[in-house]
Protein backbone atom coordinates (compact mmCIF):
# COMPACT_ATOMS: atom_id res chain seq x y z
CA MET A 1 147.28 115.96 231.34
CA LYS A 2 148.93 117.65 228.82
CA LYS A 3 147.88 121.13 227.36
CA TYR A 4 148.12 122.79 223.74
CA ASP A 5 147.74 126.36 222.80
CA TYR A 6 146.46 124.17 219.44
CA ILE A 7 145.42 120.43 218.09
CA ILE A 8 145.54 118.93 214.89
CA ILE A 9 143.61 116.30 213.59
CA GLY A 10 145.54 114.70 211.42
CA SER A 11 148.58 114.91 209.30
CA GLY A 12 147.44 115.19 205.57
CA PHE A 13 148.17 118.58 203.78
CA GLY A 14 146.07 120.58 205.40
CA GLY A 15 147.01 119.71 209.06
CA SER A 16 150.99 119.47 207.99
CA VAL A 17 151.17 123.26 206.99
CA SER A 18 149.18 124.45 209.69
CA ALA A 19 151.33 123.14 212.25
CA LEU A 20 154.56 124.08 210.71
CA ARG A 21 152.52 128.05 210.51
CA LEU A 22 151.21 128.08 213.94
CA ALA A 23 154.85 126.62 215.32
CA GLU A 24 156.73 129.24 213.61
CA LYS A 25 154.89 131.66 215.25
CA GLY A 26 155.20 130.38 218.34
CA TYR A 27 152.66 128.27 219.68
CA LYS A 28 152.87 125.21 221.00
CA VAL A 29 151.25 122.60 218.59
CA ALA A 30 149.74 119.25 218.73
CA ILE A 31 149.44 116.68 216.04
CA ILE A 32 147.34 113.58 216.01
CA GLU A 33 147.33 111.40 213.64
CA GLN A 34 145.33 107.92 213.08
CA GLY A 35 147.23 106.06 210.87
CA LYS A 36 151.38 104.82 211.69
CA ARG A 37 154.66 106.77 211.34
CA TYR A 38 156.11 105.23 208.71
CA ARG A 39 160.28 104.94 206.91
CA ALA A 40 160.54 103.96 203.83
CA LYS A 41 161.42 100.31 204.19
CA ASP A 42 158.01 99.90 205.86
CA PHE A 43 155.55 100.41 202.62
CA PRO A 44 155.00 97.45 200.83
CA LYS A 45 156.38 96.62 197.17
CA THR A 46 152.81 96.27 196.23
CA ASN A 47 149.04 97.33 196.52
CA TRP A 48 148.30 93.15 196.53
CA ASN A 49 149.92 93.55 199.99
CA PHE A 50 146.82 94.15 201.23
CA LYS A 51 147.39 94.15 205.40
CA LYS A 52 150.59 96.62 205.00
CA PHE A 53 148.99 98.96 202.18
CA PHE A 54 145.18 99.46 202.85
CA TRP A 55 143.95 100.71 206.24
CA PHE A 56 140.78 98.66 207.45
CA PRO A 57 142.22 98.42 211.61
CA LYS A 58 139.26 96.29 212.05
CA ILE A 59 140.55 93.71 210.34
CA GLY A 60 144.43 93.60 211.21
CA PHE A 61 145.12 96.47 208.25
CA TYR A 62 147.17 99.20 208.45
CA GLY A 63 148.16 100.78 205.58
CA ILE A 64 148.71 104.04 204.22
CA GLN A 65 145.05 103.94 202.22
CA ALA A 66 141.83 104.33 203.47
CA LEU A 67 138.48 104.48 202.14
CA THR A 68 135.89 105.83 203.64
CA LEU A 69 131.89 105.42 202.27
CA LEU A 70 129.58 108.77 203.14
CA LYS A 71 126.34 108.87 201.63
CA ASP A 72 126.95 110.40 198.47
CA VAL A 73 130.42 109.77 198.38
CA PHE A 74 132.92 107.52 198.39
CA ILE A 75 136.85 109.46 199.60
CA LEU A 76 140.37 107.86 199.19
CA HIS A 77 142.79 109.27 201.33
CA GLY A 78 145.82 108.67 203.32
CA ALA A 79 146.84 106.97 206.78
CA GLY A 80 149.69 107.66 208.69
CA VAL A 81 152.30 110.56 209.15
CA GLY A 82 151.95 112.58 206.22
CA GLY A 83 148.18 111.72 204.76
CA GLY A 84 147.32 111.36 201.77
CA SER A 85 151.21 112.55 200.43
CA LEU A 86 152.08 108.81 201.24
CA VAL A 87 149.80 106.98 198.66
CA TYR A 88 149.28 110.37 196.20
CA ALA A 89 150.24 110.56 192.42
CA ASN A 90 152.92 114.46 193.50
CA ASN A 91 151.07 115.89 190.96
CA LEU A 92 151.06 119.42 192.23
CA LEU A 93 149.10 121.55 189.47
CA VAL A 94 148.33 125.44 189.93
CA PRO A 95 145.58 126.11 188.34
CA SER A 96 146.01 127.42 184.57
CA ASP A 97 144.55 131.55 183.55
CA GLU A 98 141.05 129.67 182.63
CA ALA A 99 140.09 128.67 185.83
CA PHE A 100 141.18 131.53 188.13
CA ASP A 101 139.13 133.74 185.29
CA ASP A 102 135.68 131.20 185.74
CA PRO A 103 132.63 133.14 186.24
CA ALA A 104 131.74 130.65 189.56
CA TRP A 105 134.57 132.30 192.19
CA GLY A 106 132.65 135.90 191.42
CA SER A 107 134.43 138.86 190.88
CA SER A 108 137.48 138.98 192.87
CA ASN A 109 141.24 138.54 191.47
CA TRP A 110 142.12 134.84 193.13
CA LYS A 111 144.48 134.21 191.10
CA GLU A 112 146.70 137.38 192.34
CA LYS A 113 145.46 136.77 196.04
CA LEU A 114 146.37 132.86 195.54
CA LEU A 115 149.04 132.16 193.75
CA PRO A 116 151.77 133.98 195.90
CA PHE A 117 150.69 130.76 198.23
CA TYR A 118 151.00 128.17 195.38
CA GLN A 119 154.57 129.93 194.85
CA LYS A 120 155.22 128.85 198.90
CA ALA A 121 153.96 126.04 198.55
CA SER A 122 156.24 124.75 195.34
CA LYS A 123 158.59 125.84 197.30
CA MET A 124 157.93 123.23 200.67
CA LEU A 125 157.34 120.25 197.91
CA GLY A 126 160.15 120.48 195.73
CA VAL A 127 158.39 120.81 193.06
CA THR A 128 159.99 119.88 189.64
CA GLN A 129 158.41 119.29 185.79
CA SER A 130 158.42 115.30 185.44
CA LYS A 131 161.73 114.21 183.50
CA VAL A 132 159.89 111.58 182.52
CA ILE A 133 157.74 110.74 179.33
CA SER A 134 156.51 106.91 179.54
CA HIS A 135 154.87 104.96 176.81
CA GLY A 136 151.61 105.78 178.44
CA ASP A 137 152.69 109.84 177.65
CA LYS A 138 153.70 109.26 174.24
CA LEU A 139 150.05 107.31 174.16
CA LEU A 140 148.42 109.87 175.49
CA LYS A 141 149.80 112.55 173.29
CA GLU A 142 148.88 110.98 170.41
CA CYS A 143 145.55 110.49 170.85
CA ALA A 144 145.99 114.47 171.68
CA GLU A 145 146.96 114.99 168.24
CA ASP A 146 143.90 112.87 166.61
CA ALA A 147 141.50 114.86 167.94
CA GLY A 148 143.51 118.34 167.33
CA VAL A 149 144.79 119.04 170.49
CA GLY A 150 148.11 117.90 170.59
CA ASN A 151 148.99 121.64 171.53
CA THR A 152 147.26 120.67 175.52
CA PHE A 153 150.03 118.06 175.80
CA HIS A 154 152.64 119.26 178.45
CA LEU A 155 154.81 116.92 181.44
CA ASN A 156 153.52 117.77 184.97
CA ASP A 157 154.71 119.48 188.00
CA VAL A 158 155.48 116.72 190.46
CA GLY A 159 156.60 116.60 193.84
CA ILE A 160 159.75 114.46 193.58
CA TYR A 161 163.83 114.73 194.01
CA PHE A 162 165.66 114.14 190.66
CA GLY A 163 169.17 114.18 191.43
CA GLU A 164 171.11 110.97 190.22
CA PRO A 165 169.16 108.41 190.08
CA GLY A 166 169.43 106.02 193.13
CA LYS A 167 171.88 108.17 195.38
CA THR A 168 170.99 109.78 198.18
CA VAL A 169 172.69 113.45 199.05
CA SER A 170 172.66 115.95 201.41
CA ASP A 171 169.44 117.81 202.43
CA PRO A 172 168.82 119.92 199.19
CA TYR A 173 165.70 121.98 199.52
CA PHE A 174 166.24 123.49 203.10
CA ASN A 175 169.73 124.67 203.21
CA GLY A 176 171.22 121.13 205.96
CA LYS A 177 167.75 121.97 207.72
CA GLY A 178 166.23 119.15 206.17
CA PRO A 179 166.79 114.77 205.89
CA GLU A 180 168.57 113.07 203.35
CA ARG A 181 167.00 112.42 200.43
CA THR A 182 167.99 109.96 197.05
CA GLY A 183 167.46 110.28 193.75
CA CYS A 184 163.92 108.85 192.01
CA ILE A 185 164.96 105.30 190.46
CA LEU A 186 161.71 105.15 188.66
CA CYS A 187 160.13 102.64 190.19
CA GLY A 188 156.68 103.36 189.68
CA GLY A 189 155.65 103.02 193.26
CA CYS A 190 154.79 106.51 194.20
CA MET A 191 151.42 105.26 195.01
CA VAL A 192 151.89 102.66 197.16
CA GLY A 193 154.70 104.09 199.55
CA CYS A 194 157.81 105.48 198.35
CA ARG A 195 160.37 102.63 199.04
CA HIS A 196 163.74 104.84 197.89
CA GLY A 197 163.25 108.42 199.67
CA ALA A 198 162.74 110.17 196.57
CA LYS A 199 159.13 111.04 196.51
CA ASN A 200 158.57 114.41 198.29
CA THR A 201 155.79 113.21 201.31
CA LEU A 202 154.98 115.21 203.93
CA ASP A 203 157.06 113.98 206.87
CA LEU A 204 159.92 115.11 205.46
CA ASN A 205 159.10 118.99 204.62
CA TYR A 206 156.12 120.85 206.66
CA LEU A 207 155.71 118.29 209.06
CA TYR A 208 159.99 117.72 209.36
CA ILE A 209 160.75 120.89 209.51
CA ALA A 210 157.80 121.48 212.40
CA GLU A 211 158.81 118.50 214.45
CA GLN A 212 162.05 120.45 214.88
CA LEU A 213 160.04 123.83 216.31
CA GLY A 214 158.28 121.80 219.11
CA VAL A 215 155.29 120.04 217.32
CA GLU A 216 154.59 117.40 218.89
CA VAL A 217 153.30 114.33 216.57
CA ILE A 218 151.21 111.53 218.34
CA PRO A 219 150.29 108.75 215.95
CA GLU A 220 148.18 105.67 216.08
CA THR A 221 146.20 107.73 217.88
CA ARG A 222 142.15 107.79 216.95
CA VAL A 223 139.79 110.89 218.11
CA LEU A 224 136.70 109.55 219.23
CA ASP A 225 135.42 112.88 221.35
CA VAL A 226 136.31 116.53 221.08
CA LYS A 227 134.39 118.35 224.60
CA PRO A 228 134.30 121.98 225.24
CA VAL A 229 135.29 122.80 228.82
CA GLY A 230 134.05 125.84 230.07
CA GLN A 231 135.41 129.25 228.42
CA SER A 232 139.50 127.53 228.38
CA GLY A 233 139.27 125.40 225.86
CA TYR A 234 138.04 121.82 224.82
CA GLU A 235 139.46 118.53 225.67
CA ILE A 236 139.78 115.71 223.27
């Protein structure tokens, strides 16, 4: 039986960040992920390819989009090494001053406390302003202007490598310690899995570096139970 200082269930944003930071402190860490480890070429070209897009293992679907229905909420989440980063739309926004100043947060200065961590995460995830104004974006801008709030239209910050389209280069983010990246070709496939190496998914940053530091990622493994073992720890 293998022993670890920490075992993390799930390799999404929370799990990946935790794994890297624990590994940097010298801990022996494992991540258990029920989904598969994907290469760029493994992703479906369309979400109509149900078996490769949706996660319903009981009927042989082993894709990246999991759907979970609970009593009061319906959750869309990721399945695979990288979790939700494989299937989300890359938008990485920092809350506005209005959000930080909302009285619901209490009297603490949350912007001052949290902003350094947003900045750190933005660097890790390669956040940059979107380079694209699509036809849909133009329509949204027109609607905003018609409503008298045209000043609110802006390009979002996203986690995409906008190098020369289709050109593969050595790691542009981590002083050569990360994987090669390929410039976005604007194919629109972000939410079915990037097949071109342009989307900054967790397996290309947090998890990639964590594994270099010795973190063991165990894919295609589902946790069924967590049992305390005396005073010494837990059995998974």
